[in-house]
Amino acid sequence: MRNVVTIKAQLSSKNQLTIPKAVRESLDLSDHDKVVFQLDHGTVTLKKDNDFWNTVKQQEHIYGNLSTDELSWGADVGSEDMPE
């Protein structure tokens, strides 16, 4: 069964909306993240924008940082036959 939670928020005089903390935590939102609003017959769904760098950030959070100062291309680097 779905767990539905209702949270209210109020628009500012400049039509700005603060995303409630419970929603930010649920969507794992942080500073400068982008969100997507989906409209469907009067219902609005808010989702975290999963662009490429957000995906990289999520994977880095799960698997750790894979950055290295030096790339290892293997012992056969340079042995490729390139057509002229």
Protein backbone atom coordinates (compact mmCIF):
# COMPACT_ATOMS: atom_id res chain seq x y z
CA MET A 1 0.00 0.00 0.00
CA ARG A 2 1.22 3.51 -0.83
CA ASN A 3 2.29 5.80 1.97
CA VAL A 4 0.83 9.22 1.09
CA VAL A 5 1.99 12.24 3.09
CA THR A 6 0.49 15.72 2.66
CA ILE A 7 2.75 18.71 3.27
CA LYS A 8 1.64 22.31 2.77
CA ALA A 9 3.76 25.26 1.66
CA GLN A 10 2.94 28.89 0.82
CA LEU A 11 3.96 30.96 -2.20
CA SER A 12 5.82 34.17 -1.44
CA SER A 13 4.77 37.56 -2.83
CA LYS A 14 7.24 36.89 -5.68
CA ASN A 15 5.60 33.51 -6.49
CA GLN A 16 8.53 31.62 -4.98
CA LEU A 17 8.13 28.41 -3.05
CA THR A 18 10.43 26.89 -0.45
CA ILE A 19 10.56 23.12 -0.81
CA PRO A 20 9.80 21.70 2.65
CA LYS A 21 12.62 19.90 4.44
CA ALA A 22 10.82 16.54 4.42
CA VAL A 23 10.46 16.75 0.62
CA ARG A 24 14.12 17.81 0.13
CA GLU A 25 15.27 14.88 2.27
CA SER A 26 12.96 12.43 0.52
CA LEU A 27 14.28 13.48 -2.91
CA ASP A 28 17.88 13.83 -1.64
CA LEU A 29 18.00 17.44 -2.84
CA SER A 30 20.91 19.71 -2.02
CA ASP A 31 22.10 23.18 -3.03
CA HIS A 32 21.85 23.93 -6.77
CA ASP A 33 20.12 20.64 -7.65
CA LYS A 34 17.56 20.92 -10.43
CA VAL A 35 14.02 19.65 -10.17
CA VAL A 36 11.40 18.73 -12.75
CA PHE A 37 7.70 19.57 -12.42
CA GLN A 38 5.36 17.18 -14.26
CA LEU A 39 1.78 18.36 -14.84
CA ASP A 40 -0.97 15.79 -15.39
CA HIS A 41 -4.60 16.97 -15.37
CA GLY A 42 -4.32 19.17 -12.29
CA THR A 43 -1.80 17.00 -10.46
CA VAL A 44 1.81 18.16 -10.14
CA THR A 45 4.68 15.75 -9.50
CA LEU A 46 8.05 17.06 -8.36
CA LYS A 47 11.12 14.97 -9.19
CA LYS A 48 14.84 15.45 -8.89
CA ASP A 49 16.37 16.08 -12.31
CA ASN A 50 18.59 13.10 -13.02
CA ASP A 51 20.91 14.69 -15.51
CA PHE A 52 24.33 13.14 -16.20
CA TRP A 53 26.20 14.90 -13.37
CA ASN A 54 23.50 14.05 -10.84
CA THR A 55 23.86 10.41 -11.87
CA VAL A 56 27.65 10.65 -11.44
CA LYS A 57 27.14 12.26 -8.01
CA GLN A 58 24.73 9.51 -6.94
CA GLN A 59 27.09 6.75 -8.08
CA GLU A 60 30.02 8.46 -6.37
CA HIS A 61 27.99 8.53 -3.16
CA ILE A 62 27.33 4.78 -3.46
CA TYR A 63 30.62 3.50 -4.89
CA GLY A 64 33.10 6.20 -3.88
CA ASN A 65 35.21 8.52 -6.00
CA LEU A 66 36.92 6.80 -8.90
CA SER A 67 39.16 9.75 -9.81
CA THR A 68 42.82 9.01 -10.28
CA ASP A 69 45.85 11.14 -11.06
CA GLU A 70 47.05 8.64 -13.63
CA LEU A 71 45.16 6.59 -16.17
CA SER A 72 46.31 3.05 -16.83
CA TRP A 73 45.45 2.08 -20.39
CA GLY A 74 47.20 -1.29 -20.18
CA ALA A 75 50.38 -2.80 -21.58
CA ASP A 76 49.15 -2.88 -25.19
CA VAL A 77 48.76 0.90 -25.56
CA GLY A 78 50.27 2.09 -28.79
CA SER A 79 50.21 -1.30 -30.46
CA GLU A 80 47.00 -0.60 -32.36
CA ASP A 81 47.11 -0.90 -36.15
CA MET A 82 45.56 2.24 -37.57
CA PRO A 83 44.47 2.27 -41.24
CA GLU A 84 45.93 5.07 -43.32
